[in-house]
Amino acid sequence: DYEKRKVYSLAFTPRADEALRYRTIRTLVDKKTCVALNVEFHEPAGPRKLMTVQPSDLKQVDRYWYASKAEVRDLKNGTRTRITVTGVSGGDKLARRYFSPQSFYLGN
């Protein structure tokens, strides 16, 4: 559970031959909305950045859920960025126009 919400816990680790900035990314995804509520970005020395969303900031437009507010903290530098989404348009036309799974790069 996260903030009294049922969540999926996911961890992403790149292959050893990939030179990526983060060693591991750990994510808690809300089971009801499929929105990430907590994302930890780990460097080899430990956690570097943390993104959090409060469940009260989850909003719905049509059948789509999104985080209307989020905060990203740089744990090493002591800085933070707050993000506020002021509006979202939903519907199939928008999804087809701006999002297409066929356009994603598919790696091996």
PDB file of N, CA and C in Angstrom:
ATOM      1  N   ASP A   1       0.833  -1.193   0.000  1.00  0.00           N
ATOM      2  CA  ASP A   1       0.000   0.000   0.000  1.00  0.00           C
ATOM      3  C   ASP A   1       0.878   1.257   0.000  1.00  0.00           C
ATOM      4  N   TYR A   2       0.333   2.322  -0.599  1.00  0.00           N
ATOM      5  CA  TYR A   2       0.976   3.632  -0.617  1.00  0.00           C
ATOM      6  C   TYR A   2      -0.112   4.659  -0.387  1.00  0.00           C
ATOM      7  N   GLU A   3       0.024   5.440   0.679  1.00  0.00           N
ATOM      8  CA  GLU A   3      -0.982   6.452   0.998  1.00  0.00           C
ATOM      9  C   GLU A   3      -2.391   5.857   0.997  1.00  0.00           C
ATOM     10  N   LYS A   4      -2.524   4.660   1.588  1.00  0.00           N
ATOM     11  CA  LYS A   4      -3.797   3.939   1.712  1.00  0.00           C
ATOM     12  C   LYS A   4      -4.388   3.507   0.373  1.00  0.00           C
ATOM     13  N   ARG A   5      -3.549   3.392  -0.659  1.00  0.00           N
ATOM     14  CA  ARG A   5      -3.983   2.922  -1.978  1.00  0.00           C
ATOM     15  C   ARG A   5      -3.296   1.600  -2.276  1.00  0.00           C
ATOM     16  N   LYS A   6      -3.991   0.702  -2.918  1.00  0.00           N
ATOM     17  CA  LYS A   6      -3.392  -0.544  -3.393  1.00  0.00           C
ATOM     18  C   LYS A   6      -2.538  -0.206  -4.608  1.00  0.00           C
ATOM     19  N   VAL A   7      -1.313  -0.748  -4.633  1.00  0.00           N
ATOM     20  CA  VAL A   7      -0.387  -0.423  -5.715  1.00  0.00           C
ATOM     21  C   VAL A   7       0.312  -1.670  -6.238  1.00  0.00           C
ATOM     22  N   TYR A   8       0.781  -1.548  -7.477  1.00  0.00           N
ATOM     23  CA  TYR A   8       1.717  -2.511  -8.041  1.00  0.00           C
ATOM     24  C   TYR A   8       3.109  -1.957  -7.775  1.00  0.00           C
ATOM     25  N   SER A   9       4.045  -2.810  -7.418  1.00  0.00           N
ATOM     26  CA  SER A   9       5.428  -2.407  -7.204  1.00  0.00           C
ATOM     27  C   SER A   9       6.261  -2.947  -8.362  1.00  0.00           C
ATOM     28  N   LEU A  10       6.909  -2.054  -9.094  1.00  0.00           N
ATOM     29  CA  LEU A  10       7.699  -2.435 -10.257  1.00  0.00           C
ATOM     30  C   LEU A  10       9.132  -1.946 -10.085  1.00  0.00           C
ATOM     31  N   ALA A  11      10.072  -2.700 -10.611  1.00  0.00           N
ATOM     32  CA  ALA A  11      11.465  -2.278 -10.618  1.00  0.00           C
ATOM     33  C   ALA A  11      12.028  -2.521 -12.014  1.00  0.00           C
ATOM     34  N   PHE A  12      12.737  -1.529 -12.528  1.00  0.00           N
ATOM     35  CA  PHE A  12      13.348  -1.618 -13.845  1.00  0.00           C
ATOM     36  C   PHE A  12      14.855  -1.522 -13.678  1.00  0.00           C
ATOM     37  N   THR A  13      15.556  -2.494 -14.232  1.00  0.00           N
ATOM     38  CA  THR A  13      17.014  -2.520 -14.165  1.00  0.00           C
ATOM     39  C   THR A  13      17.544  -2.728 -15.578  1.00  0.00           C
ATOM     40  N   PRO A  14      18.420  -1.832 -16.036  1.00  0.00           N
ATOM     41  CA  PRO A  14      18.938  -2.002 -17.403  1.00  0.00           C
ATOM     42  C   PRO A  14      19.865  -3.212 -17.498  1.00  0.00           C
ATOM     43  N   ARG A  15      20.015  -3.705 -18.700  1.00  0.00           N
ATOM     44  CA  ARG A  15      20.961  -4.786 -18.936  1.00  0.00           C
ATOM     45  C   ARG A  15      22.368  -4.292 -18.631  1.00  0.00           C
ATOM     46  N   ALA A  16      23.248  -5.202 -18.299  1.00  0.00           N
ATOM     47  CA  ALA A  16      24.619  -4.852 -17.910  1.00  0.00           C
ATOM     48  C   ALA A  16      25.363  -4.115 -19.031  1.00  0.00           C
ATOM     49  N   ASP A  17      25.031  -4.409 -20.292  1.00  0.00           N
ATOM     50  CA  ASP A  17      25.746  -3.776 -21.407  1.00  0.00           C
ATOM     51  C   ASP A  17      25.193  -2.404 -21.781  1.00  0.00           C
ATOM     52  N   GLU A  18      24.158  -1.933 -21.092  1.00  0.00           N
ATOM     53  CA  GLU A  18      23.589  -0.620 -21.370  1.00  0.00           C
ATOM     54  C   GLU A  18      24.174   0.404 -20.404  1.00  0.00           C
ATOM     55  N   ALA A  19      24.674   1.497 -20.943  1.00  0.00           N
ATOM     56  CA  ALA A  19      25.245   2.555 -20.110  1.00  0.00           C
ATOM     57  C   ALA A  19      24.174   3.607 -19.860  1.00  0.00           C
ATOM     58  N   LEU A  20      23.390   3.414 -18.802  1.00  0.00           N
ATOM     59  CA  LEU A  20      22.332   4.350 -18.462  1.00  0.00           C
ATOM     60  C   LEU A  20      22.672   5.089 -17.181  1.00  0.00           C
ATOM     61  N   ARG A  21      22.063   6.241 -17.006  1.00  0.00           N
ATOM     62  CA  ARG A  21      22.356   7.068 -15.827  1.00  0.00           C
ATOM     63  C   ARG A  21      21.911   6.405 -14.537  1.00  0.00           C
ATOM     64  N   TYR A  22      20.755   5.760 -14.573  1.00  0.00           N
ATOM     65  CA  TYR A  22      20.216   5.179 -13.344  1.00  0.00           C
ATOM     66  C   TYR A  22      20.381   3.670 -13.350  1.00  0.00           C
ATOM     67  N   ARG A  23      20.769   3.126 -12.218  1.00  0.00           N
ATOM     68  CA  ARG A  23      20.981   1.691 -12.084  1.00  0.00           C
ATOM     69  C   ARG A  23      19.641   0.965 -11.966  1.00  0.00           C
ATOM     70  N   THR A  24      18.711   1.564 -11.232  1.00  0.00           N
ATOM     71  CA  THR A  24      17.393   0.971 -11.022  1.00  0.00           C
ATOM     72  C   THR A  24      16.359   2.072 -10.917  1.00  0.00           C
ATOM     73  N   ILE A  25      15.165   1.802 -11.411  1.00  0.00           N
ATOM     74  CA  ILE A  25      14.024   2.693 -11.217  1.00  0.00           C
ATOM     75  C   ILE A  25      12.941   1.861 -10.558  1.00  0.00           C
ATOM     76  N   ARG A  26      12.493   2.302  -9.399  1.00  0.00           N
ATOM     77  CA  ARG A  26      11.433   1.613  -8.654  1.00  0.00           C
ATOM     78  C   ARG A  26      10.178   2.469  -8.693  1.00  0.00           C
ATOM     79  N   THR A  27       9.058   1.822  -8.989  1.00  0.00           N
ATOM     80  CA  THR A  27       7.808   2.551  -9.195  1.00  0.00           C
ATOM     81  C   THR A  27       6.668   1.891  -8.449  1.00  0.00           C
ATOM     82  N   LEU A  28       5.820   2.709  -7.841  1.00  0.00           N
ATOM     83  CA  LEU A  28       4.568   2.242  -7.256  1.00  0.00           C
ATOM     84  C   LEU A  28       3.449   2.803  -8.114  1.00  0.00           C
ATOM     85  N   VAL A  29       2.659   1.899  -8.717  1.00  0.00           N
ATOM     86  CA  VAL A  29       1.598   2.279  -9.641  1.00  0.00           C
ATOM     87  C   VAL A  29       0.253   1.966  -9.009  1.00  0.00           C
ATOM     88  N   ASP A  30      -0.619   2.959  -8.971  1.00  0.00           N
ATOM     89  CA  ASP A  30      -1.952   2.807  -8.402  1.00  0.00           C
ATOM     90  C   ASP A  30      -2.740   1.741  -9.167  1.00  0.00           C
ATOM     91  N   LYS A  31      -3.270   0.752  -8.449  1.00  0.00           N
ATOM     92  CA  LYS A  31      -3.990  -0.344  -9.108  1.00  0.00           C
ATOM     93  C   LYS A  31      -5.288   0.130  -9.766  1.00  0.00           C
ATOM     94  N   LYS A  32      -5.959   1.094  -9.176  1.00  0.00           N
ATOM     95  CA  LYS A  32      -7.245   1.555  -9.720  1.00  0.00           C
ATOM     96  C   LYS A  32      -7.071   2.385 -10.983  1.00  0.00           C
ATOM     97  N   THR A  33      -6.063   3.260 -11.011  1.00  0.00           N
ATOM     98  CA  THR A  33      -5.942   4.224 -12.101  1.00  0.00           C
ATOM     99  C   THR A  33      -4.777   3.960 -13.052  1.00  0.00           C
ATOM    100  N   CYS A  34      -3.844   3.100 -12.665  1.00  0.00           N
ATOM    101  CA  CYS A  34      -2.622   2.824 -13.434  1.00  0.00           C
ATOM    102  C   CYS A  34      -1.731   4.061 -13.576  1.00  0.00           C
ATOM    103  N   VAL A  35      -1.778   4.959 -12.610  1.00  0.00           N
ATOM    104  CA  VAL A  35      -0.924   6.142 -12.590  1.00  0.00           C
ATOM    105  C   VAL A  35       0.201   5.907 -11.584  1.00  0.00           C
ATOM    106  N   ALA A  36       1.423   6.269 -11.966  1.00  0.00           N
ATOM    107  CA  ALA A  36       2.564   6.154 -11.048  1.00  0.00           C
ATOM    108  C   ALA A  36       2.399   7.157  -9.911  1.00  0.00           C
ATOM    109  N   LEU A  37       2.478   6.663  -8.675  1.00  0.00           N
ATOM    110  CA  LEU A  37       2.345   7.521  -7.502  1.00  0.00           C
ATOM    111  C   LEU A  37       3.690   7.824  -6.854  1.00  0.00           C
ATOM    112  N   ASN A  38       4.669   6.954  -7.074  1.00  0.00           N
ATOM    113  CA  ASN A  38       5.969   7.103  -6.449  1.00  0.00           C
ATOM    114  C   ASN A  38       6.998   6.471  -7.385  1.00  0.00           C
ATOM    115  N   VAL A  39       8.014   7.226  -7.750  1.00  0.00           N
ATOM    116  CA  VAL A  39       9.064   6.714  -8.631  1.00  0.00           C
ATOM    117  C   VAL A  39      10.412   7.108  -8.042  1.00  0.00           C
ATOM    118  N   GLU A  40      11.263   6.119  -7.777  1.00  0.00           N
ATOM    119  CA  GLU A  40      12.611   6.348  -7.251  1.00  0.00           C
ATOM    120  C   GLU A  40      13.620   6.044  -8.347  1.00  0.00           C
ATOM    121  N   PHE A  41      14.525   6.983  -8.577  1.00  0.00           N
ATOM    122  CA  PHE A  41      15.582   6.823  -9.560  1.00  0.00           C
ATOM    123  C   PHE A  41      16.890   6.599  -8.809  1.00  0.00           C
ATOM    124  N   HIS A  42      17.481   5.411  -8.953  1.00  0.00           N
ATOM    125  CA  HIS A  42      18.687   5.044  -8.201  1.00  0.00           C
ATOM    126  C   HIS A  42      19.922   5.065  -9.084  1.00  0.00           C
ATOM    127  N   GLU A  43      20.943   5.796  -8.618  1.00  0.00           N
ATOM    128  CA  GLU A  43      22.267   5.753  -9.223  1.00  0.00           C
ATOM    129  C   GLU A  43      23.065   4.673  -8.506  1.00  0.00           C
ATOM    130  N   PRO A  44      24.265   4.364  -8.966  1.00  0.00           N
ATOM    131  CA  PRO A  44      25.058   3.352  -8.255  1.00  0.00           C
ATOM    132  C   PRO A  44      25.265   3.678  -6.768  1.00  0.00           C
ATOM    133  N   ALA A  45      25.364   4.962  -6.413  1.00  0.00           N
ATOM    134  CA  ALA A  45      25.597   5.359  -5.018  1.00  0.00           C
ATOM    135  C   ALA A  45      24.320   5.357  -4.169  1.00  0.00           C
ATOM    136  N   GLY A  46      23.158   5.175  -4.794  1.00  0.00           N
ATOM    137  CA  GLY A  46      21.901   5.168  -4.041  1.00  0.00           C
ATOM    138  C   GLY A  46      20.843   6.028  -4.702  1.00  0.00           C
ATOM    139  N   PRO A  47      19.741   6.287  -3.989  1.00  0.00           N
ATOM    140  CA  PRO A  47      18.641   7.067  -4.575  1.00  0.00           C
ATOM    141  C   PRO A  47      19.097   8.475  -4.961  1.00  0.00           C
ATOM    142  N   ARG A  48      18.703   8.911  -6.159  1.00  0.00           N
ATOM    143  CA  ARG A  48      19.076  10.251  -6.632  1.00  0.00           C
ATOM    144  C   ARG A  48      17.855  11.156  -6.733  1.00  0.00           C
ATOM    145  N   LYS A  49      16.801  10.663  -7.382  1.00  0.00           N
ATOM    146  CA  LYS A  49      15.603  11.485  -7.562  1.00  0.00           C
ATOM    147  C   LYS A  49      14.379  10.703  -7.104  1.00  0.00           C
ATOM    148  N   LEU A  50      13.370  11.450  -6.694  1.00  0.00           N
ATOM    149  CA  LEU A  50      12.119  10.856  -6.225  1.00  0.00           C
ATOM    150  C   LEU A  50      10.961  11.677  -6.752  1.00  0.00           C
ATOM    151  N   MET A  51      10.053  11.036  -7.483  1.00  0.00           N
ATOM    152  CA  MET A  51       8.829  11.685  -7.946  1.00  0.00           C
ATOM    153  C   MET A  51       7.675  11.156  -7.113  1.00  0.00           C
ATOM    154  N   THR A  52       6.838  12.046  -6.599  1.00  0.00           N
ATOM    155  CA  THR A  52       5.684  11.637  -5.809  1.00  0.00           C
ATOM    156  C   THR A  52       4.425  12.329  -6.303  1.00  0.00           C
ATOM    157  N   VAL A  53       3.319  11.593  -6.192  1.00  0.00           N
ATOM    158  CA  VAL A  53       1.985  12.102  -6.515  1.00  0.00           C
ATOM    159  C   VAL A  53       1.084  11.732  -5.350  1.00  0.00           C
ATOM    160  N   GLN A  54       0.335  12.689  -4.857  1.00  0.00           N
ATOM    161  CA  GLN A  54      -0.631  12.406  -3.804  1.00  0.00           C
ATOM    162  C   GLN A  54      -1.904  11.845  -4.444  1.00  0.00           C
ATOM    163  N   PRO A  55      -2.480  10.796  -3.886  1.00  0.00           N
ATOM    164  CA  PRO A  55      -3.709  10.238  -4.454  1.00  0.00           C
ATOM    165  C   PRO A  55      -4.831  11.274  -4.615  1.00  0.00           C
ATOM    166  N   SER A  56      -4.868  12.268  -3.750  1.00  0.00           N
ATOM    167  CA  SER A  56      -5.890  13.313  -3.871  1.00  0.00           C
ATOM    168  C   SER A  56      -5.695  14.155  -5.134  1.00  0.00           C
ATOM    169  N   ASP A  57      -4.513  14.082  -5.770  1.00  0.00           N
ATOM    170  CA  ASP A  57      -4.235  14.825  -6.995  1.00  0.00           C
ATOM    171  C   ASP A  57      -4.482  14.003  -8.254  1.00  0.00           C
ATOM    172  N   LEU A  58      -5.041  12.796  -8.113  1.00  0.00           N
ATOM    173  CA  LEU A  58      -5.425  11.999  -9.282  1.00  0.00           C
ATOM    174  C   LEU A  58      -6.759  12.530  -9.805  1.00  0.00           C
ATOM    175  N   LYS A  59      -6.813  12.768 -11.099  1.00  0.00           N
ATOM    176  CA  LYS A  59      -8.022  13.296 -11.739  1.00  0.00           C
ATOM    177  C   LYS A  59      -8.384  12.403 -12.917  1.00  0.00           C
ATOM    178  N   GLN A  60      -9.652  12.477 -13.311  1.00  0.00           N
ATOM    179  CA  GLN A  60     -10.119  11.648 -14.421  1.00  0.00           C
ATOM    180  C   GLN A  60     -10.822  12.520 -15.456  1.00  0.00           C
ATOM    181  N   VAL A  61     -10.497  12.286 -16.733  1.00  0.00           N
ATOM    182  CA  VAL A  61     -11.189  12.892 -17.864  1.00  0.00           C
ATOM    183  C   VAL A  61     -11.628  11.731 -18.735  1.00  0.00           C
ATOM    184  N   ASP A  62     -12.936  11.615 -18.923  1.00  0.00           N
ATOM    185  CA  ASP A  62     -13.502  10.474 -19.634  1.00  0.00           C
ATOM    186  C   ASP A  62     -13.027   9.200 -18.932  1.00  0.00           C
ATOM    187  N   ARG A  63     -12.367   8.310 -19.656  1.00  0.00           N
ATOM    188  CA  ARG A  63     -11.895   7.071 -19.031  1.00  0.00           C
ATOM    189  C   ARG A  63     -10.414   7.131 -18.650  1.00  0.00           C
ATOM    190  N   TYR A  64      -9.789   8.291 -18.828  1.00  0.00           N
ATOM    191  CA  TYR A  64      -8.357   8.443 -18.599  1.00  0.00           C
ATOM    192  C   TYR A  64      -8.067   9.099 -17.246  1.00  0.00           C
ATOM    193  N   TRP A  65      -7.116   8.531 -16.513  1.00  0.00           N
ATOM    194  CA  TRP A  65      -6.662   9.086 -15.239  1.00  0.00           C
ATOM    195  C   TRP A  65      -5.299   9.734 -15.431  1.00  0.00           C
ATOM    196  N   TYR A  66      -5.028  10.788 -14.658  1.00  0.00           N
ATOM    197  CA  TYR A  66      -3.733  11.451 -14.709  1.00  0.00           C
ATOM    198  C   TYR A  66      -3.438  12.110 -13.363  1.00  0.00           C
ATOM    199  N   ALA A  67      -2.175  12.445 -13.155  1.00  0.00           N
ATOM    200  CA  ALA A  67      -1.766  13.170 -11.959  1.00  0.00           C
ATOM    201  C   ALA A  67      -1.852  14.658 -12.267  1.00  0.00           C
ATOM    202  N   SER A  68      -2.690  15.385 -11.535  1.00  0.00           N
ATOM    203  CA  SER A  68      -2.815  16.819 -11.770  1.00  0.00           C
ATOM    204  C   SER A  68      -1.673  17.598 -11.122  1.00  0.00           C
ATOM    205  N   LYS A  69      -0.996  16.973 -10.160  1.00  0.00           N
ATOM    206  CA  LYS A  69       0.171  17.579  -9.511  1.00  0.00           C
ATOM    207  C   LYS A  69       1.185  16.484  -9.209  1.00  0.00           C
ATOM    208  N   ALA A  70       2.448  16.843  -9.278  1.00  0.00           N
ATOM    209  CA  ALA A  70       3.525  15.925  -8.917  1.00  0.00           C
ATOM    210  C   ALA A  70       4.701  16.747  -8.418  1.00  0.00           C
ATOM    211  N   GLU A  71       5.557  16.094  -7.666  1.00  0.00           N
ATOM    212  CA  GLU A  71       6.779  16.746  -7.195  1.00  0.00           C
ATOM    213  C   GLU A  71       7.947  15.821  -7.477  1.00  0.00           C
ATOM    214  N   VAL A  72       9.022  16.389  -8.016  1.00  0.00           N
ATOM    215  CA  VAL A  72      10.255  15.642  -8.260  1.00  0.00           C
ATOM    216  C   VAL A  72      11.339  16.296  -7.410  1.00  0.00           C
ATOM    217  N   ARG A  73      11.960  15.490  -6.562  1.00  0.00           N
ATOM    218  CA  ARG A  73      13.033  15.986  -5.695  1.00  0.00           C
ATOM    219  C   ARG A  73      14.366  15.371  -6.120  1.00  0.00           C
ATOM    220  N   ASP A  74      15.369  16.215  -6.226  1.00  0.00           N
ATOM    221  CA  ASP A  74      16.735  15.759  -6.450  1.00  0.00           C
ATOM    222  C   ASP A  74      17.348  15.610  -5.067  1.00  0.00           C
ATOM    223  N   LEU A  75      17.507  14.379  -4.625  1.00  0.00           N
ATOM    224  CA  LEU A  75      17.956  14.105  -3.272  1.00  0.00           C
ATOM    225  C   LEU A  75      19.414  14.494  -3.042  1.00  0.00           C
ATOM    226  N   LYS A  76      20.215  14.497  -4.089  1.00  0.00           N
ATOM    227  CA  LYS A  76      21.622  14.853  -3.967  1.00  0.00           C
ATOM    228  C   LYS A  76      21.810  16.371  -3.886  1.00  0.00           C
ATOM    229  N   ASN A  77      21.106  17.096  -4.735  1.00  0.00           N
ATOM    230  CA  ASN A  77      21.265  18.551  -4.787  1.00  0.00           C
ATOM    231  C   ASN A  77      20.331  19.293  -3.835  1.00  0.00           C
ATOM    232  N   GLY A  78      19.326  18.602  -3.305  1.00  0.00           N
ATOM    233  CA  GLY A  78      18.383  19.249  -2.396  1.00  0.00           C
ATOM    234  C   GLY A  78      17.404  20.174  -3.084  1.00  0.00           C
ATOM    235  N   THR A  79      17.161  19.965  -4.370  1.00  0.00           N
ATOM    236  CA  THR A  79      16.220  20.810  -5.103  1.00  0.00           C
ATOM    237  C   THR A  79      14.934  20.038  -5.374  1.00  0.00           C
ATOM    238  N   ARG A  80      13.895  20.768  -5.767  1.00  0.00           N
ATOM    239  CA  ARG A  80      12.640  20.110  -6.129  1.00  0.00           C
ATOM    240  C   ARG A  80      11.935  20.896  -7.222  1.00  0.00           C
ATOM    241  N   THR A  81      11.148  20.167  -7.983  1.00  0.00           N
ATOM    242  CA  THR A  81      10.340  20.739  -9.048  1.00  0.00           C
ATOM    243  C   THR A  81       8.910  20.294  -8.825  1.00  0.00           C
ATOM    244  N   ARG A  82       7.991  21.243  -8.848  1.00  0.00           N
ATOM    245  CA  ARG A  82       6.571  20.919  -8.729  1.00  0.00           C
ATOM    246  C   ARG A  82       5.920  21.107 -10.094  1.00  0.00           C
ATOM    247  N   ILE A  83       5.119  20.125 -10.446  1.00  0.00           N
ATOM    248  CA  ILE A  83       4.452  20.121 -11.745  1.00  0.00           C
ATOM    249  C   ILE A  83       2.951  20.187 -11.498  1.00  0.00           C
ATOM    250  N   THR A  84       2.264  21.096 -12.222  1.00  0.00           N
ATOM    251  CA  THR A  84       0.814  21.198 -12.140  1.00  0.00           C
ATOM    252  C   THR A  84       0.244  21.108 -13.548  1.00  0.00           C
ATOM    253  N   VAL A  85      -0.671  20.182 -13.753  1.00  0.00           N
ATOM    254  CA  VAL A  85      -1.352  20.028 -15.031  1.00  0.00           C
ATOM    255  C   VAL A  85      -2.669  20.784 -14.913  1.00  0.00           C
ATOM    256  N   THR A  86      -2.866  21.776 -15.771  1.00  0.00           N
ATOM    257  CA  THR A  86      -4.049  22.638 -15.661  1.00  0.00           C
ATOM    258  C   THR A  86      -5.225  22.176 -16.511  1.00  0.00           C
ATOM    259  N   GLY A  87      -4.995  21.239 -17.409  1.00  0.00           N
ATOM    260  CA  GLY A  87      -6.090  20.738 -18.215  1.00  0.00           C
ATOM    261  C   GLY A  87      -5.673  19.566 -19.074  1.00  0.00           C
ATOM    262  N   VAL A  88      -6.608  18.685 -19.316  1.00  0.00           N
ATOM    263  CA  VAL A  88      -6.369  17.510 -20.144  1.00  0.00           C
ATOM    264  C   VAL A  88      -7.589  17.318 -21.028  1.00  0.00           C
ATOM    265  N   SER A  89      -7.346  17.015 -22.291  1.00  0.00           N
ATOM    266  CA  SER A  89      -8.433  16.685 -23.210  1.00  0.00           C
ATOM    267  C   SER A  89      -8.405  15.190 -23.442  1.00  0.00           C
ATOM    268  N   GLY A  90      -9.554  14.572 -23.434  1.00  0.00           N
ATOM    269  CA  GLY A  90      -9.628  13.134 -23.646  1.00  0.00           C
ATOM    270  C   GLY A  90     -10.376  12.810 -24.921  1.00  0.00           C
ATOM    271  N   GLY A  91     -10.423  11.539 -25.219  1.00  0.00           N
ATOM    272  CA  GLY A  91     -11.155  11.091 -26.389  1.00  0.00           C
ATOM    273  C   GLY A  91     -10.270  10.341 -27.347  1.00  0.00           C
ATOM    274  N   ASP A  92     -10.889   9.534 -28.180  1.00  0.00           N
ATOM    275  CA  ASP A  92     -10.142   8.702 -29.115  1.00  0.00           C
ATOM    276  C   ASP A  92      -9.384   9.498 -30.167  1.00  0.00           C
ATOM    277  N   LYS A  93      -9.943  10.625 -30.646  1.00  0.00           N
ATOM    278  CA  LYS A  93      -9.230  11.400 -31.658  1.00  0.00           C
ATOM    279  C   LYS A  93      -7.902  11.900 -31.128  1.00  0.00           C
ATOM    280  N   LEU A  94      -7.888  12.391 -29.905  1.00  0.00           N
ATOM    281  CA  LEU A  94      -6.646  12.865 -29.306  1.00  0.00           C
ATOM    282  C   LEU A  94      -5.653  11.718 -29.167  1.00  0.00           C
ATOM    283  N   ALA A  95      -6.111  10.584 -28.700  1.00  0.00           N
ATOM    284  CA  ALA A  95      -5.213   9.446 -28.492  1.00  0.00           C
ATOM    285  C   ALA A  95      -4.595   8.992 -29.814  1.00  0.00           C
ATOM    286  N   ARG A  96      -5.365   8.881 -30.869  1.00  0.00           N
ATOM    287  CA  ARG A  96      -4.812   8.442 -32.159  1.00  0.00           C
ATOM    288  C   ARG A  96      -3.876   9.490 -32.747  1.00  0.00           C
ATOM    289  N   ARG A  97      -4.176  10.747 -32.541  1.00  0.00           N
ATOM    290  CA  ARG A  97      -3.363  11.805 -33.137  1.00  0.00           C
ATOM    291  C   ARG A  97      -1.992  11.925 -32.467  1.00  0.00           C
ATOM    292  N   TYR A  98      -1.946  11.808 -31.147  1.00  0.00           N
ATOM    293  CA  TYR A  98      -0.705  12.038 -30.419  1.00  0.00           C
ATOM    294  C   TYR A  98      -0.044  10.781 -29.879  1.00  0.00           C
ATOM    295  N   PHE A  99      -0.714   9.662 -29.942  1.00  0.00           N
ATOM    296  CA  PHE A  99      -0.163   8.448 -29.358  1.00  0.00           C
ATOM    297  C   PHE A  99      -0.435   7.261 -30.252  1.00  0.00           C
ATOM    298  N   SER A 100       0.623   6.580 -30.607  1.00  0.00           N
ATOM    299  CA  SER A 100       0.478   5.391 -31.432  1.00  0.00           C
ATOM    300  C   SER A 100       1.501   4.358 -30.980  1.00  0.00           C
ATOM    301  N   PRO A 101       1.054   3.217 -30.435  1.00  0.00           N
ATOM    302  CA  PRO A 101       2.013   2.187 -30.015  1.00  0.00           C
ATOM    303  C   PRO A 101       2.918   1.726 -31.157  1.00  0.00           C
ATOM    304  N   GLN A 102       2.441   1.806 -32.404  1.00  0.00           N
ATOM    305  CA  GLN A 102       3.245   1.371 -33.539  1.00  0.00           C
ATOM    306  C   GLN A 102       4.435   2.299 -33.786  1.00  0.00           C
ATOM    307  N   SER A 103       4.394   3.521 -33.252  1.00  0.00           N
ATOM    308  CA  SER A 103       5.483   4.471 -33.491  1.00  0.00           C
ATOM    309  C   SER A 103       6.609   4.339 -32.468  1.00  0.00           C
ATOM    310  N   PHE A 104       6.424   3.512 -31.427  1.00  0.00           N
ATOM    311  CA  PHE A 104       7.466   3.320 -30.423  1.00  0.00           C
ATOM    312  C   PHE A 104       8.642   2.568 -31.030  1.00  0.00           C
ATOM    313  N   TYR A 105       9.838   2.893 -30.556  1.00  0.00           N
ATOM    314  CA  TYR A 105      11.009   2.148 -30.950  1.00  0.00           C
ATOM    315  C   TYR A 105      10.976   0.805 -30.198  1.00  0.00           C
ATOM    316  N   LEU A 106      11.116  -0.269 -30.904  1.00  0.00           N
ATOM    317  CA  LEU A 106      11.109  -1.600 -30.297  1.00  0.00           C
ATOM    318  C   LEU A 106      12.526  -2.148 -30.345  1.00  0.00           C
ATOM    319  N   GLY A 107      13.164  -2.236 -29.185  1.00  0.00           N
ATOM    320  CA  GLY A 107      14.526  -2.762 -29.104  1.00  0.00           C
ATOM    321  C   GLY A 107      14.522  -4.278 -29.044  1.00  0.00           C
ATOM    322  N   ASN A 108      15.669  -4.841 -29.104  1.00  0.00           N
ATOM    323  CA  ASN A 108      15.818  -6.305 -29.046  1.00  0.00           C
ATOM    324  C   ASN A 108      15.747  -6.774 -27.621  1.00  0.00           C
TER     325      ASN A 108
END
